[in-house]
Amino acid sequence: MGPLVLRMDQRVQQMGQSVQCASLVGYQHTPQDVQLTAPACLIKPGTIQHEFLHALGFWHEHTRPDRDTYIKIAWQNIQSGMEVNFKARLSSEAQTFGFPYDYGSVMHYRATAFSKDGNSATIVPSDNDELFKIGQREKASTIDLAKLNKLYNCNTS
């Protein structure tokens, strides 16, 4: 794999008036657009990091193959048509690299993400003490960064 070159001047777009914070996951064989509408997507650094981690190959933490050990998905509370955002990924799609489940990952949705009423939980941690960590958008977690280094064979020393 060659060196990673980010050309933000050409590949990061502001998408009109709608709030769109989005990116496809991983290498796309064509230029990859990371969509970040101002100001909503630019308020918290973790939101920007979240979308760039998608572009770099990361799926949502709550969709990793072993997630059912750590969280419960409240399917009955999810908005119709949004269920795909909670589908567990296959091991071949979403690698854990041997790292533990990361409730504090910038790639984890908040507890009420895509809730029908906006308040009911759609993601319930097995350990209630972890509830306050999920969905944070302040910055990539230590585990997020360790996974990124592992994925791209980066030496951290």
N, C-alpha and C. Protein backbone atom coordinates (compact mmCIF):
# COMPACT_ATOMS: atom_id res chain seq x y z
N MET A 1 0.85 -1.17 0.00
CA MET A 1 0.00 0.00 0.00
C MET A 1 0.89 1.23 0.00
N GLY A 2 0.61 2.17 -0.86
CA GLY A 2 1.39 3.40 -0.96
C GLY A 2 1.06 4.37 0.15
N PRO A 3 1.76 5.48 0.19
CA PRO A 3 1.51 6.48 1.23
C PRO A 3 0.12 7.09 1.10
N LEU A 4 -0.45 7.42 2.23
CA LEU A 4 -1.78 8.04 2.27
C LEU A 4 -1.63 9.54 2.01
N VAL A 5 -2.33 10.02 1.01
CA VAL A 5 -2.30 11.45 0.69
C VAL A 5 -3.72 11.99 0.77
N LEU A 6 -3.94 12.90 1.71
CA LEU A 6 -5.25 13.53 1.84
C LEU A 6 -5.22 14.87 1.11
N ARG A 7 -6.12 15.05 0.18
CA ARG A 7 -6.23 16.32 -0.55
C ARG A 7 -7.53 16.98 -0.13
N MET A 8 -7.51 17.57 1.04
CA MET A 8 -8.73 18.13 1.61
C MET A 8 -9.30 19.25 0.77
N ASP A 9 -8.47 19.97 0.05
CA ASP A 9 -8.98 21.08 -0.76
C ASP A 9 -9.93 20.60 -1.84
N GLN A 10 -9.79 19.36 -2.27
CA GLN A 10 -10.63 18.84 -3.34
C GLN A 10 -11.62 17.77 -2.89
N ARG A 11 -11.41 17.15 -1.73
CA ARG A 11 -12.21 15.99 -1.39
C ARG A 11 -13.16 16.20 -0.22
N VAL A 12 -13.06 17.25 0.52
CA VAL A 12 -14.00 17.54 1.60
C VAL A 12 -15.00 18.55 1.06
N GLN A 13 -16.30 18.21 1.14
CA GLN A 13 -17.32 19.07 0.56
C GLN A 13 -18.28 19.60 1.61
N GLN A 14 -18.78 20.77 1.35
CA GLN A 14 -19.92 21.27 2.10
C GLN A 14 -21.13 21.01 1.22
N MET A 15 -22.13 20.34 1.77
CA MET A 15 -23.26 19.88 0.97
C MET A 15 -24.51 20.73 1.21
N GLY A 16 -24.58 21.90 0.62
CA GLY A 16 -25.79 22.71 0.66
C GLY A 16 -26.29 23.02 2.04
N GLN A 17 -27.61 23.07 2.19
CA GLN A 17 -28.23 23.48 3.44
C GLN A 17 -28.55 22.32 4.37
N SER A 18 -28.63 21.10 3.85
CA SER A 18 -28.96 19.97 4.72
C SER A 18 -27.76 19.59 5.56
N VAL A 19 -28.02 19.01 6.72
CA VAL A 19 -26.94 18.56 7.58
C VAL A 19 -26.51 17.18 7.12
N GLN A 20 -25.31 17.11 6.59
CA GLN A 20 -24.80 15.84 6.07
C GLN A 20 -23.38 15.65 6.58
N CYS A 21 -23.23 14.73 7.52
CA CYS A 21 -21.91 14.32 8.00
C CYS A 21 -21.79 12.88 7.55
N ALA A 22 -21.03 12.61 6.49
CA ALA A 22 -21.03 11.27 5.93
C ALA A 22 -19.76 10.96 5.15
N SER A 23 -19.47 9.67 5.08
CA SER A 23 -18.36 9.18 4.28
C SER A 23 -18.60 7.70 4.00
N LEU A 24 -18.17 7.26 2.85
CA LEU A 24 -18.15 5.83 2.58
C LEU A 24 -17.03 5.21 3.40
N VAL A 25 -17.07 3.90 3.56
CA VAL A 25 -16.06 3.21 4.37
C VAL A 25 -14.96 2.64 3.49
N GLY A 26 -13.74 3.06 3.76
CA GLY A 26 -12.57 2.47 3.12
C GLY A 26 -12.29 2.93 1.71
N TYR A 27 -11.32 2.27 1.12
CA TYR A 27 -10.86 2.59 -0.23
C TYR A 27 -11.97 2.35 -1.24
N GLN A 28 -12.19 3.30 -2.16
CA GLN A 28 -13.32 3.23 -3.08
C GLN A 28 -12.93 3.10 -4.56
N HIS A 29 -11.66 3.03 -4.89
CA HIS A 29 -11.17 2.95 -6.27
C HIS A 29 -11.42 4.22 -7.07
N THR A 30 -12.06 5.18 -6.49
CA THR A 30 -12.30 6.49 -7.10
C THR A 30 -12.11 7.53 -6.00
N PRO A 31 -12.02 8.80 -6.34
CA PRO A 31 -11.87 9.80 -5.28
C PRO A 31 -12.98 9.67 -4.23
N GLN A 32 -12.59 9.77 -2.99
CA GLN A 32 -13.49 9.59 -1.85
C GLN A 32 -13.93 10.96 -1.33
N ASP A 33 -15.21 11.21 -1.33
CA ASP A 33 -15.75 12.45 -0.77
C ASP A 33 -16.12 12.25 0.69
N VAL A 34 -15.64 13.13 1.54
CA VAL A 34 -16.05 13.17 2.94
C VAL A 34 -16.94 14.39 3.07
N GLN A 35 -18.20 14.17 3.43
CA GLN A 35 -19.19 15.25 3.45
C GLN A 35 -19.32 15.81 4.87
N LEU A 36 -19.02 17.08 5.01
CA LEU A 36 -19.08 17.76 6.30
C LEU A 36 -19.76 19.11 6.11
N THR A 37 -21.04 19.19 6.44
CA THR A 37 -21.78 20.44 6.27
C THR A 37 -21.51 21.36 7.46
N ALA A 38 -21.16 22.60 7.16
CA ALA A 38 -20.94 23.59 8.21
C ALA A 38 -22.28 24.22 8.59
N PRO A 39 -22.50 24.60 9.81
CA PRO A 39 -21.57 24.42 10.92
C PRO A 39 -21.76 23.11 11.68
N ALA A 40 -22.87 22.42 11.48
CA ALA A 40 -23.23 21.27 12.33
C ALA A 40 -22.14 20.20 12.41
N CYS A 41 -21.52 19.87 11.30
CA CYS A 41 -20.53 18.79 11.29
C CYS A 41 -19.16 19.25 11.74
N LEU A 42 -18.99 20.54 11.95
CA LEU A 42 -17.67 21.07 12.27
C LEU A 42 -17.55 21.58 13.70
N ILE A 43 -18.59 21.41 14.49
CA ILE A 43 -18.60 21.92 15.86
C ILE A 43 -17.65 21.12 16.76
N LYS A 44 -17.72 19.80 16.68
CA LYS A 44 -16.89 18.95 17.54
C LYS A 44 -15.83 18.24 16.70
N PRO A 45 -14.58 18.29 17.16
CA PRO A 45 -13.50 17.63 16.41
C PRO A 45 -13.77 16.15 16.16
N GLY A 46 -14.42 15.50 17.10
CA GLY A 46 -14.70 14.07 16.96
C GLY A 46 -15.62 13.74 15.81
N THR A 47 -16.49 14.66 15.43
CA THR A 47 -17.37 14.43 14.28
C THR A 47 -16.55 14.37 13.00
N ILE A 48 -15.60 15.27 12.87
CA ILE A 48 -14.72 15.27 11.71
C ILE A 48 -13.87 14.00 11.71
N GLN A 49 -13.31 13.66 12.87
CA GLN A 49 -12.49 12.45 12.99
C GLN A 49 -13.31 11.20 12.64
N HIS A 50 -14.56 11.17 13.09
CA HIS A 50 -15.46 10.05 12.82
C HIS A 50 -15.57 9.81 11.31
N GLU A 51 -15.84 10.86 10.56
CA GLU A 51 -16.02 10.71 9.11
C GLU A 51 -14.71 10.34 8.40
N PHE A 52 -13.60 10.90 8.85
CA PHE A 52 -12.32 10.53 8.24
C PHE A 52 -11.94 9.09 8.59
N LEU A 53 -12.28 8.63 9.78
CA LEU A 53 -12.02 7.22 10.12
C LEU A 53 -12.84 6.29 9.25
N HIS A 54 -14.07 6.68 8.89
CA HIS A 54 -14.83 5.90 7.91
C HIS A 54 -14.03 5.80 6.61
N ALA A 55 -13.59 6.94 6.10
CA ALA A 55 -12.84 6.96 4.83
C ALA A 55 -11.57 6.11 4.91
N LEU A 56 -10.99 6.03 6.10
CA LEU A 56 -9.77 5.25 6.29
C LEU A 56 -10.05 3.77 6.52
N GLY A 57 -11.33 3.38 6.58
CA GLY A 57 -11.67 1.96 6.66
C GLY A 57 -12.39 1.49 7.90
N PHE A 58 -12.83 2.38 8.76
CA PHE A 58 -13.46 1.98 10.02
C PHE A 58 -14.99 1.98 9.93
N TRP A 59 -15.58 0.91 10.44
CA TRP A 59 -17.03 0.84 10.61
C TRP A 59 -17.37 1.36 12.00
N HIS A 60 -18.64 1.48 12.31
CA HIS A 60 -19.06 1.91 13.64
C HIS A 60 -18.71 0.85 14.68
N GLU A 61 -18.28 1.29 15.84
CA GLU A 61 -17.89 0.37 16.92
C GLU A 61 -19.05 -0.53 17.31
N HIS A 62 -20.26 0.00 17.35
CA HIS A 62 -21.42 -0.78 17.78
C HIS A 62 -21.87 -1.80 16.73
N THR A 63 -21.15 -1.88 15.59
CA THR A 63 -21.48 -2.89 14.59
C THR A 63 -20.39 -3.97 14.49
N ARG A 64 -19.42 -3.95 15.38
CA ARG A 64 -18.36 -4.95 15.31
C ARG A 64 -18.94 -6.34 15.57
N PRO A 65 -18.31 -7.38 15.07
CA PRO A 65 -18.89 -8.73 15.13
C PRO A 65 -19.21 -9.24 16.53
N ASP A 66 -18.45 -8.83 17.54
CA ASP A 66 -18.65 -9.32 18.90
C ASP A 66 -19.49 -8.38 19.76
N ARG A 67 -20.17 -7.44 19.16
CA ARG A 67 -20.87 -6.39 19.91
C ARG A 67 -21.94 -6.91 20.86
N ASP A 68 -22.58 -8.04 20.55
CA ASP A 68 -23.68 -8.52 21.39
C ASP A 68 -23.24 -8.89 22.80
N THR A 69 -21.96 -9.06 23.02
CA THR A 69 -21.43 -9.31 24.35
C THR A 69 -21.43 -8.02 25.18
N TYR A 70 -21.38 -6.88 24.51
CA TYR A 70 -21.17 -5.60 25.18
C TYR A 70 -22.37 -4.66 25.15
N ILE A 71 -23.22 -4.81 24.15
CA ILE A 71 -24.39 -3.95 24.02
C ILE A 71 -25.60 -4.76 23.55
N LYS A 72 -26.77 -4.18 23.78
CA LYS A 72 -28.01 -4.73 23.24
C LYS A 72 -28.58 -3.66 22.32
N ILE A 73 -29.04 -4.09 21.15
CA ILE A 73 -29.70 -3.17 20.23
C ILE A 73 -31.20 -3.25 20.49
N ALA A 74 -31.82 -2.12 20.78
CA ALA A 74 -33.27 -2.06 21.02
C ALA A 74 -33.95 -1.79 19.68
N TRP A 75 -34.09 -2.85 18.89
CA TRP A 75 -34.62 -2.74 17.53
C TRP A 75 -35.99 -2.06 17.50
N GLN A 76 -36.81 -2.29 18.51
CA GLN A 76 -38.16 -1.74 18.55
C GLN A 76 -38.16 -0.21 18.65
N ASN A 77 -37.04 0.38 19.06
CA ASN A 77 -36.96 1.84 19.22
C ASN A 77 -36.34 2.55 18.02
N ILE A 78 -35.87 1.80 17.03
CA ILE A 78 -35.17 2.39 15.89
C ILE A 78 -36.16 2.84 14.82
N GLN A 79 -35.92 4.04 14.28
CA GLN A 79 -36.76 4.58 13.21
C GLN A 79 -36.78 3.61 12.03
N SER A 80 -37.93 3.49 11.41
CA SER A 80 -38.07 2.64 10.23
C SER A 80 -37.10 3.09 9.14
N GLY A 81 -36.41 2.13 8.56
CA GLY A 81 -35.45 2.41 7.50
C GLY A 81 -34.04 2.69 7.99
N MET A 82 -33.86 2.83 9.29
CA MET A 82 -32.54 3.14 9.85
C MET A 82 -31.85 1.92 10.47
N GLU A 83 -32.49 0.77 10.38
CA GLU A 83 -31.96 -0.44 10.99
C GLU A 83 -30.57 -0.82 10.46
N VAL A 84 -30.30 -0.49 9.21
CA VAL A 84 -29.01 -0.83 8.59
C VAL A 84 -27.84 -0.23 9.38
N ASN A 85 -28.06 0.87 10.06
CA ASN A 85 -27.01 1.52 10.84
C ASN A 85 -26.61 0.74 12.09
N PHE A 86 -27.36 -0.32 12.39
CA PHE A 86 -27.12 -1.11 13.60
C PHE A 86 -26.77 -2.57 13.29
N LYS A 87 -26.68 -2.89 12.02
CA LYS A 87 -26.39 -4.26 11.59
C LYS A 87 -24.97 -4.65 12.00
N ALA A 88 -24.84 -5.79 12.66
CA ALA A 88 -23.50 -6.28 13.02
C ALA A 88 -22.75 -6.66 11.75
N ARG A 89 -21.50 -6.29 11.68
CA ARG A 89 -20.64 -6.60 10.54
C ARG A 89 -20.00 -7.97 10.70
N LEU A 90 -19.62 -8.55 9.59
CA LEU A 90 -18.89 -9.80 9.60
C LEU A 90 -17.45 -9.54 10.03
N SER A 91 -16.79 -10.57 10.54
CA SER A 91 -15.38 -10.43 10.93
C SER A 91 -14.51 -10.00 9.76
N SER A 92 -14.88 -10.41 8.56
CA SER A 92 -14.10 -10.04 7.37
C SER A 92 -14.27 -8.57 7.00
N GLU A 93 -15.34 -7.94 7.48
CA GLU A 93 -15.60 -6.52 7.18
C GLU A 93 -15.03 -5.59 8.24
N ALA A 94 -15.27 -5.92 9.48
CA ALA A 94 -14.90 -5.03 10.59
C ALA A 94 -13.93 -5.74 11.52
N GLN A 95 -12.68 -5.46 11.36
CA GLN A 95 -11.66 -6.11 12.18
C GLN A 95 -11.56 -5.43 13.54
N THR A 96 -11.39 -6.24 14.57
CA THR A 96 -11.20 -5.70 15.92
C THR A 96 -9.72 -5.57 16.26
N PHE A 97 -8.86 -6.23 15.49
CA PHE A 97 -7.42 -6.22 15.72
C PHE A 97 -7.06 -6.68 17.12
N GLY A 98 -7.97 -7.43 17.76
CA GLY A 98 -7.71 -7.93 19.10
C GLY A 98 -7.92 -6.90 20.20
N PHE A 99 -8.41 -5.72 19.85
CA PHE A 99 -8.65 -4.69 20.86
C PHE A 99 -10.00 -4.91 21.52
N PRO A 100 -10.13 -4.52 22.80
CA PRO A 100 -11.42 -4.67 23.48
C PRO A 100 -12.47 -3.73 22.91
N TYR A 101 -13.72 -4.05 23.19
CA TYR A 101 -14.83 -3.18 22.78
C TYR A 101 -14.59 -1.81 23.39
N ASP A 102 -14.80 -0.77 22.59
CA ASP A 102 -14.47 0.59 23.02
C ASP A 102 -15.73 1.45 23.10
N TYR A 103 -16.31 1.50 24.31
CA TYR A 103 -17.50 2.33 24.51
C TYR A 103 -17.20 3.80 24.24
N GLY A 104 -15.96 4.22 24.43
CA GLY A 104 -15.58 5.61 24.24
C GLY A 104 -15.08 5.95 22.85
N SER A 105 -15.24 5.01 21.92
CA SER A 105 -14.80 5.24 20.54
C SER A 105 -15.57 6.38 19.90
N VAL A 106 -14.86 7.19 19.13
CA VAL A 106 -15.51 8.24 18.35
C VAL A 106 -16.38 7.62 17.25
N MET A 107 -16.22 6.32 17.02
CA MET A 107 -16.99 5.60 16.01
C MET A 107 -18.26 4.97 16.59
N HIS A 108 -18.54 5.20 17.85
CA HIS A 108 -19.73 4.63 18.50
C HIS A 108 -20.88 5.63 18.44
N TYR A 109 -22.07 5.18 18.05
CA TYR A 109 -23.26 6.04 18.09
C TYR A 109 -23.65 6.31 19.54
N ARG A 110 -24.39 7.39 19.74
CA ARG A 110 -24.93 7.69 21.06
C ARG A 110 -26.07 6.72 21.38
N ALA A 111 -26.46 6.65 22.62
CA ALA A 111 -27.45 5.67 23.08
C ALA A 111 -28.81 5.83 22.41
N THR A 112 -29.18 7.04 21.99
CA THR A 112 -30.50 7.28 21.41
C THR A 112 -30.45 7.51 19.89
N ALA A 113 -29.37 7.12 19.26
CA ALA A 113 -29.21 7.35 17.81
C ALA A 113 -30.37 6.73 17.03
N PHE A 114 -30.94 7.51 16.12
CA PHE A 114 -32.05 7.08 15.25
C PHE A 114 -33.25 6.54 16.03
N SER A 115 -33.46 7.07 17.22
CA SER A 115 -34.60 6.67 18.05
C SER A 115 -35.89 7.22 17.46
N LYS A 116 -36.95 6.43 17.51
CA LYS A 116 -38.25 6.86 16.98
C LYS A 116 -38.74 8.15 17.63
N ASP A 117 -38.55 8.25 18.94
CA ASP A 117 -39.05 9.42 19.65
C ASP A 117 -37.95 10.40 20.05
N GLY A 118 -36.71 10.08 19.71
CA GLY A 118 -35.59 10.95 20.04
C GLY A 118 -35.04 10.78 21.44
N ASN A 119 -35.76 10.03 22.28
CA ASN A 119 -35.34 9.86 23.68
C ASN A 119 -35.09 8.42 24.09
N SER A 120 -35.75 7.49 23.45
CA SER A 120 -35.61 6.08 23.84
C SER A 120 -34.28 5.53 23.38
N ALA A 121 -33.71 4.67 24.19
CA ALA A 121 -32.41 4.07 23.86
C ALA A 121 -32.54 3.11 22.68
N THR A 122 -31.59 3.20 21.78
CA THR A 122 -31.46 2.23 20.69
C THR A 122 -30.25 1.34 20.93
N ILE A 123 -29.31 1.82 21.74
CA ILE A 123 -28.12 1.06 22.12
C ILE A 123 -28.04 1.05 23.63
N VAL A 124 -28.02 -0.15 24.22
CA VAL A 124 -27.98 -0.28 25.67
C VAL A 124 -26.72 -1.05 26.06
N PRO A 125 -25.78 -0.41 26.75
CA PRO A 125 -24.56 -1.12 27.17
C PRO A 125 -24.88 -2.20 28.20
N SER A 126 -24.16 -3.31 28.13
CA SER A 126 -24.32 -4.37 29.13
C SER A 126 -23.93 -3.87 30.51
N ASP A 127 -22.96 -2.98 30.55
CA ASP A 127 -22.49 -2.37 31.79
C ASP A 127 -23.00 -0.93 31.83
N ASN A 128 -23.95 -0.65 32.71
CA ASN A 128 -24.55 0.69 32.78
C ASN A 128 -23.53 1.80 33.05
N ASP A 129 -22.40 1.46 33.67
CA ASP A 129 -21.37 2.46 33.93
C ASP A 129 -20.74 2.99 32.65
N GLU A 130 -20.92 2.29 31.55
CA GLU A 130 -20.34 2.70 30.27
C GLU A 130 -21.26 3.62 29.47
N LEU A 131 -22.50 3.79 29.91
CA LEU A 131 -23.49 4.58 29.17
C LEU A 131 -23.01 6.00 28.87
N PHE A 132 -22.35 6.64 29.83
CA PHE A 132 -21.93 8.03 29.63
C PHE A 132 -20.83 8.17 28.58
N LYS A 133 -20.15 7.07 28.24
CA LYS A 133 -19.05 7.14 27.27
C LYS A 133 -19.51 7.08 25.82
N ILE A 134 -20.61 6.37 25.56
CA ILE A 134 -20.96 6.11 24.16
C ILE A 134 -21.49 7.36 23.46
N GLY A 135 -21.07 7.49 22.21
CA GLY A 135 -21.53 8.60 21.39
C GLY A 135 -20.72 9.88 21.53
N GLN A 136 -19.62 9.84 22.26
CA GLN A 136 -18.83 11.07 22.44
C GLN A 136 -18.21 11.50 21.11
N ARG A 137 -18.11 12.80 20.91
CA ARG A 137 -17.54 13.35 19.69
C ARG A 137 -16.47 14.40 20.00
N GLU A 138 -15.80 14.24 21.14
CA GLU A 138 -14.73 15.17 21.50
C GLU A 138 -13.45 14.85 20.75
N LYS A 139 -13.07 13.56 20.74
CA LYS A 139 -11.84 13.16 20.04
C LYS A 139 -11.78 11.65 19.92
N ALA A 140 -10.97 11.20 18.98
CA ALA A 140 -10.74 9.76 18.82
C ALA A 140 -10.17 9.21 20.13
N SER A 141 -10.61 8.02 20.50
CA SER A 141 -10.13 7.40 21.74
C SER A 141 -8.73 6.83 21.54
N THR A 142 -8.11 6.47 22.64
CA THR A 142 -6.80 5.82 22.59
C THR A 142 -6.87 4.54 21.77
N ILE A 143 -7.97 3.79 21.93
CA ILE A 143 -8.13 2.55 21.17
C ILE A 143 -8.37 2.85 19.70
N ASP A 144 -9.14 3.88 19.37
CA ASP A 144 -9.32 4.28 17.96
C ASP A 144 -7.96 4.50 17.31
N LEU A 145 -7.10 5.24 17.98
CA LEU A 145 -5.78 5.56 17.42
C LEU A 145 -4.89 4.33 17.33
N ALA A 146 -4.99 3.45 18.33
CA ALA A 146 -4.20 2.21 18.29
C ALA A 146 -4.64 1.33 17.12
N LYS A 147 -5.95 1.25 16.87
CA LYS A 147 -6.46 0.48 15.73
C LYS A 147 -5.99 1.08 14.41
N LEU A 148 -6.01 2.40 14.31
CA LEU A 148 -5.56 3.08 13.10
C LEU A 148 -4.08 2.77 12.84
N ASN A 149 -3.28 2.83 13.89
CA ASN A 149 -1.86 2.49 13.76
C ASN A 149 -1.67 1.04 13.33
N LYS A 150 -2.48 0.15 13.88
CA LYS A 150 -2.39 -1.27 13.53
C LYS A 150 -2.81 -1.49 12.07
N LEU A 151 -3.91 -0.88 11.66
CA LEU A 151 -4.42 -1.04 10.30
C LEU A 151 -3.41 -0.59 9.25
N TYR A 152 -2.73 0.52 9.53
CA TYR A 152 -1.80 1.08 8.56
C TYR A 152 -0.33 0.77 8.89
N ASN A 153 -0.12 -0.21 9.78
CA ASN A 153 1.23 -0.65 10.15
C ASN A 153 2.15 0.52 10.52
N CYS A 154 1.62 1.41 11.35
CA CYS A 154 2.40 2.57 11.78
C CYS A 154 3.16 2.23 13.06
N ASN A 155 4.40 2.62 13.12
CA ASN A 155 5.20 2.46 14.32
C ASN A 155 4.94 3.68 15.19
N THR A 156 4.52 3.46 16.42
CA THR A 156 4.14 4.58 17.29
C THR A 156 5.32 5.14 18.08
N SER A 157 6.49 4.56 17.95
CA SER A 157 7.64 5.06 18.72
C SER A 157 8.40 6.13 17.97
